[in-house]
Protein backbone atom coordinates (compact mmCIF):
# COMPACT_ATOMS: atom_id res chain seq x y z
CA UNK A 1 0.00 0.00 0.00
CA UNK A 2 2.80 2.38 0.90
CA UNK A 3 4.57 1.64 -2.39
CA UNK A 4 1.38 2.27 -4.40
CA UNK A 5 0.84 5.59 -2.63
CA UNK A 6 4.44 6.54 -3.31
CA UNK A 7 4.02 5.73 -7.05
CA UNK A 8 0.85 7.84 -7.24
CA UNK A 9 2.59 10.75 -5.50
CA UNK A 10 5.62 10.49 -7.78
CA UNK A 11 3.36 10.49 -10.84
CA UNK A 12 1.49 13.54 -9.63
CA UNK A 13 4.73 15.41 -8.95
CA UNK A 14 6.08 14.47 -12.37
CA UNK A 15 2.92 15.86 -14.03
CA UNK A 16 3.14 19.15 -12.15
CA UNK A 17 5.61 20.85 -14.58
CA UNK A 18 3.45 19.75 -17.53
CA UNK A 19 0.31 21.16 -15.93
CA UNK A 20 2.14 24.35 -15.07
CA UNK A 21 3.37 24.69 -18.63
CA UNK A 22 -0.16 24.15 -19.97
CA UNK A 23 -1.47 26.73 -17.53
CA UNK A 24 1.19 29.21 -18.64
CA UNK A 25 0.29 28.61 -22.28
CA UNK A 26 -3.40 29.19 -21.54
CA UNK A 27 -2.58 32.38 -19.66
CA UNK A 28 -0.41 33.54 -22.54
CA UNK A 29 -3.22 32.85 -25.01
CA UNK A 30 -5.69 34.80 -22.87
CA UNK A 31 -3.26 37.70 -22.60
CA UNK A 32 -2.84 37.63 -26.38
CA UNK A 33 -6.61 37.72 -26.85
CA UNK A 34 -6.93 40.63 -24.44
CA UNK A 35 -4.16 42.46 -26.28
CA UNK A 36 -5.80 41.87 -29.68
CA UNK A 37 -9.07 43.21 -28.29
CA UNK A 38 -7.41 46.57 -27.71
CA UNK A 39 -5.05 46.75 -30.72
CA UNK A 40 -7.02 49.57 -32.32
CA UNK A 41 -8.18 47.48 -35.29
CA UNK A 42 -11.88 47.21 -36.05
CA UNK A 43 -13.76 43.95 -36.45
CA UNK A 44 -16.12 43.59 -39.44
CA UNK A 45 -19.10 41.25 -39.60
CA UNK A 46 -20.32 41.05 -43.20
CA UNK A 47 -23.60 39.22 -43.89
CA UNK A 48 -24.84 38.25 -47.34
CA UNK A 49 -28.56 37.43 -47.33
CA UNK A 50 -30.00 35.52 -50.29
CA UNK A 51 -33.65 36.54 -50.53
CA UNK A 52 -36.69 34.50 -51.44
CA UNK A 53 -38.61 37.57 -52.67
CA UNK A 54 -38.15 41.26 -53.35
CA UNK A 55 -36.67 42.16 -49.97
CA UNK A 56 -39.35 44.57 -48.71
CA UNK A 57 -40.06 42.61 -45.51
CA UNK A 58 -36.38 42.15 -44.71
CA UNK A 59 -35.63 45.82 -45.44
CA UNK A 60 -38.39 46.87 -43.06
CA UNK A 61 -36.98 44.63 -40.33
CA UNK A 62 -33.36 45.61 -40.89
CA UNK A 63 -34.05 49.32 -41.29
CA UNK A 64 -36.57 49.81 -38.49
CA UNK A 65 -35.59 47.17 -35.95
CA UNK A 66 -32.22 45.40 -36.23
CA UNK A 67 -30.05 48.30 -37.41
CA UNK A 68 -31.36 50.73 -34.75
CA UNK A 69 -30.76 48.11 -32.04
CA UNK A 70 -27.11 47.79 -33.06
CA UNK A 71 -26.74 51.55 -33.36
CA UNK A 72 -28.00 51.96 -29.79
CA UNK A 73 -25.00 49.88 -28.78
CA UNK A 74 -22.62 52.13 -30.71
CA UNK A 75 -22.19 49.83 -33.71
CA UNK A 76 -22.16 51.46 -37.16
CA UNK A 77 -24.09 49.54 -39.81
CA UNK A 78 -23.75 49.56 -43.58
CA UNK A 79 -26.60 48.21 -45.71
CA UNK A 80 -26.53 47.47 -49.43
CA UNK A 81 -28.41 45.80 -52.27
CA UNK A 82 -27.08 44.53 -55.59
CA UNK A 83 -26.21 47.48 -57.83
CA UNK A 84 -27.61 45.94 -60.98
CA UNK A 85 -28.86 42.35 -60.54
CA UNK A 86 -28.36 40.06 -63.50
CA UNK A 87 -31.37 38.49 -65.14
CA UNK A 88 -32.51 35.53 -63.08
CA UNK A 89 -30.17 36.37 -60.20
CA UNK A 90 -31.69 36.20 -56.73
CA UNK A 91 -31.78 39.49 -54.86
CA UNK A 92 -29.36 39.94 -51.97
CA UNK A 93 -28.88 42.18 -48.98
CA UNK A 94 -25.37 42.89 -47.74
CA UNK A 95 -25.20 44.06 -44.13
CA UNK A 96 -22.00 45.25 -42.46
CA UNK A 97 -21.57 45.62 -38.69
CA UNK A 98 -18.50 47.59 -37.58
CA UNK A 99 -17.18 46.76 -34.09
CA UNK A 100 -14.32 48.61 -32.40
CA UNK A 101 -12.74 45.31 -31.27
CA UNK A 102 -13.37 41.59 -30.88
CA UNK A 103 -14.47 41.92 -27.24
CA UNK A 104 -17.25 44.32 -28.25
CA UNK A 105 -18.30 41.93 -31.03
CA UNK A 106 -18.75 39.13 -28.53
CA UNK A 107 -20.47 41.41 -26.01
CA UNK A 108 -22.99 42.83 -28.49
CA UNK A 109 -23.79 39.42 -29.99
CA UNK A 110 -24.90 38.30 -26.52
CA UNK A 111 -26.54 41.52 -25.38
CA UNK A 112 -28.72 41.96 -28.46
CA UNK A 113 -30.88 39.05 -27.29
CA UNK A 114 -31.22 40.62 -23.85
CA UNK A 115 -32.47 43.92 -25.33
CA UNK A 116 -36.16 44.01 -24.41
CA UNK A 117 -36.99 46.80 -26.86
CA UNK A 118 -35.38 44.91 -29.73
CA UNK A 119 -37.04 41.61 -28.87
CA UNK A 120 -40.48 43.22 -28.66
CA UNK A 121 -40.06 45.07 -31.95
CA UNK A 122 -38.60 42.04 -33.74
CA UNK A 123 -41.04 39.37 -32.63
CA UNK A 124 -43.66 40.01 -35.33
CA UNK A 125 -41.00 39.63 -38.04
CA UNK A 126 -39.67 36.43 -36.52
CA UNK A 127 -43.17 34.99 -36.15
CA UNK A 128 -44.12 35.82 -39.74
CA UNK A 129 -40.85 34.64 -41.32
CA UNK A 130 -40.67 31.36 -39.39
CA UNK A 131 -43.31 29.74 -41.60
CA UNK A 132 -42.65 31.94 -44.65
CA UNK A 133 -38.91 32.76 -44.78
CA UNK A 134 -37.90 36.01 -46.48
CA UNK A 135 -34.36 34.73 -47.07
CA UNK A 136 -33.11 31.25 -47.82
CA UNK A 137 -29.88 31.72 -45.87
CA UNK A 138 -27.12 34.17 -45.11
CA UNK A 139 -23.36 33.80 -45.22
CA UNK A 140 -21.15 35.52 -42.67
CA UNK A 141 -17.59 36.77 -43.01
CA UNK A 142 -15.87 37.86 -39.80
CA UNK A 143 -12.70 39.85 -40.37
CA UNK A 144 -10.14 42.06 -38.66
CA UNK A 145 -9.02 45.39 -40.15
CA UNK A 146 -5.63 45.67 -41.83
CA UNK A 147 -2.75 47.50 -40.17
CA UNK A 148 -2.71 50.10 -42.96
CA UNK A 149 -6.34 51.12 -42.34
CA UNK A 150 -7.23 49.97 -38.80
CA UNK A 151 -10.42 52.07 -38.75
CA UNK A 152 -12.83 52.35 -41.69
CA UNK A 153 -13.07 55.45 -43.85
CA UNK A 154 -16.47 57.02 -44.46
CA UNK A 155 -17.44 57.39 -48.14
CA UNK A 156 -18.31 60.71 -49.73
CA UNK A 157 -21.92 61.82 -49.90
CA UNK A 158 -21.81 61.55 -53.69
CA UNK A 159 -21.33 57.78 -53.56
CA UNK A 160 -23.75 55.67 -55.58
CA UNK A 161 -21.62 52.59 -56.23
CA UNK A 162 -19.78 50.33 -53.79
CA UNK A 163 -17.68 47.32 -54.66
CA UNK A 164 -16.80 44.49 -52.34
CA UNK A 165 -14.05 42.12 -53.36
CA UNK A 166 -13.20 38.80 -51.74
CA UNK A 167 -9.78 37.37 -52.55
CA UNK A 168 -9.23 33.69 -51.84
CA UNK A 169 -5.69 32.34 -51.55
CA UNK A 170 -4.39 28.83 -52.22
CA UNK A 171 -3.08 28.51 -48.64
CA UNK A 172 -2.61 30.48 -45.43
CA UNK A 173 0.94 31.56 -46.21
CA UNK A 174 -0.11 32.99 -49.56
CA UNK A 175 -2.97 34.80 -47.84
CA UNK A 176 -0.53 36.44 -45.43
CA UNK A 177 1.59 37.62 -48.35
CA UNK A 178 -1.50 39.10 -50.03
CA UNK A 179 -2.39 40.98 -46.84
CA UNK A 180 1.18 42.28 -46.74
CA UNK A 181 0.92 43.35 -50.37
CA UNK A 182 -2.07 45.55 -49.51
CA UNK A 183 -0.55 46.93 -46.32
CA UNK A 184 2.83 47.80 -47.81
CA UNK A 185 2.00 48.86 -51.36
CA UNK A 186 -1.43 48.28 -52.92
CA UNK A 187 -3.64 50.50 -50.73
CA UNK A 188 -1.25 53.41 -51.29
CA UNK A 189 -1.67 52.96 -55.05
CA UNK A 190 -5.45 52.91 -54.63
CA UNK A 191 -5.22 56.26 -52.85
CA UNK A 192 -3.25 57.72 -55.76
CA UNK A 193 -5.61 56.50 -58.48
CA UNK A 194 -9.12 57.16 -57.16
CA UNK A 195 -9.98 53.68 -55.89
CA UNK A 196 -11.69 55.01 -52.75
CA UNK A 197 -11.11 52.76 -49.75
CA UNK A 198 -13.73 52.12 -47.07
CA UNK A 199 -12.25 49.13 -45.25
CA UNK A 200 -10.02 46.09 -45.55
CA UNK A 201 -10.38 42.89 -43.54
CA UNK A 202 -8.35 39.76 -43.01
CA UNK A 203 -11.07 37.12 -42.81
CA UNK A 204 -10.97 35.19 -39.54
CA UNK A 205 -13.93 32.94 -40.34
CA UNK A 206 -16.13 32.56 -43.37
CA UNK A 207 -17.42 30.19 -46.07
CA UNK A 208 -14.34 30.72 -48.27
CA UNK A 209 -10.97 30.38 -46.57
CA UNK A 210 -8.24 31.51 -46.48
CA UNK A 211 -9.27 34.89 -47.80
CA UNK A 212 -9.48 38.64 -47.35
CA UNK A 213 -12.07 41.24 -48.28
CA UNK A 214 -12.21 44.94 -48.97
CA UNK A 215 -14.83 47.58 -49.75
CA UNK A 216 -14.40 50.60 -52.02
CA UNK A 217 -16.77 53.34 -53.25
CA UNK A 218 -17.25 55.51 -56.34
CA UNK A 219 -19.40 58.37 -57.56
CA UNK A 220 -20.64 56.24 -60.48
CA UNK A 221 -19.60 53.52 -62.92
CA UNK A 222 -17.57 55.89 -65.07
CA UNK A 223 -15.41 57.10 -62.17
CA UNK A 224 -14.85 53.50 -61.12
CA UNK A 225 -13.76 52.48 -64.61
CA UNK A 226 -11.38 55.44 -64.82
CA UNK A 227 -9.91 54.71 -61.37
CA UNK A 228 -9.18 51.08 -62.19
CA UNK A 229 -7.75 52.09 -65.56
CA UNK A 230 -5.32 54.41 -63.78
CA UNK A 231 -4.51 51.73 -61.23
CA UNK A 232 -3.72 49.12 -63.87
CA UNK A 233 -1.33 51.43 -65.70
CA UNK A 234 0.31 52.94 -62.61
CA UNK A 235 4.09 52.29 -62.50
CA UNK A 236 3.96 51.30 -58.82
CA UNK A 237 1.41 48.59 -59.61
CA UNK A 238 3.45 47.32 -62.55
CA UNK A 239 6.46 47.13 -60.24
CA UNK A 240 4.86 45.23 -57.34
CA UNK A 241 2.77 42.92 -59.54
CA UNK A 242 6.02 41.54 -60.96
CA UNK A 243 7.64 40.87 -57.57
CA UNK A 244 8.16 37.14 -56.82
CA UNK A 245 7.25 37.69 -53.15
CA UNK A 246 3.67 38.47 -54.22
CA UNK A 247 3.30 35.67 -56.77
CA UNK A 248 0.30 33.33 -56.51
CA UNK A 249 -1.16 35.19 -53.52
CA UNK A 250 -4.79 35.19 -54.74
CA UNK A 251 -6.19 32.52 -57.04
CA UNK A 252 -9.86 33.50 -56.88
CA UNK A 253 -11.35 36.99 -56.93
CA UNK A 254 -15.06 37.65 -56.40
CA UNK A 255 -16.33 41.17 -57.12
CA UNK A 256 -19.85 42.40 -56.23
CA UNK A 257 -21.27 45.82 -57.12
CA UNK A 258 -23.60 47.30 -54.52
CA UNK A 259 -25.90 50.28 -53.95
CA UNK A 260 -26.39 51.82 -50.49
CA UNK A 261 -29.84 51.39 -48.95
CA UNK A 262 -31.64 54.33 -47.29
CA UNK A 263 -30.92 52.99 -43.80
CA UNK A 264 -27.17 52.51 -44.43
CA UNK A 265 -24.73 54.57 -42.37
CA UNK A 266 -22.10 54.25 -45.11
């Protein structure tokens, strides 16, 4: 009996350094999370709703109920529809929530369901859409702002056209190089050529990974075409696009043209 007790005690003592190391790693991870929550970079939640109808019911809910509830919590909201839907294409709504940090994102996601005013105002929509859905589904992209533009830029009042682009990379390392390409060089070229930046996000979670996204705005289609023409011929772009360090960084590029909705803050 004494020998068995001794063996148990020896095993427990031997495990102590391992447990301590695990505890230290957990503490380090928590400290890292706390640090990232206050790094000054915004968090973007981008939702893409695919509608079953014309969007009137969802617009009424988003514009009169959901968006105001988020705004009461200090969260800016952008709201968009397809700029010019293609024939046969299902209508969409693109909703952007802008959080100051990841801690606020988590806090608001919980608190919204404890908001009595929101729940009361939203219940009729939820009751009606439970048996007759107004959207078939929505995709969510959660992203963190780039170092170059840690806080979003507000578009000009003359904006009529927005463009969101989602760049998918072949692997995580390539995605990091594409983020670097924007931070170090590409955004600066945008600024010189009239590609008007709103925000850039490294996608943390989404249906297409690894990837990044960014949002730009324009007065109209002509100004957009001219801006991208200038960008494509700019000597700085020609220089960096030929650099081997940026080769094969994005293998899929999705571009969506959007119009701001009346209840959008952007």
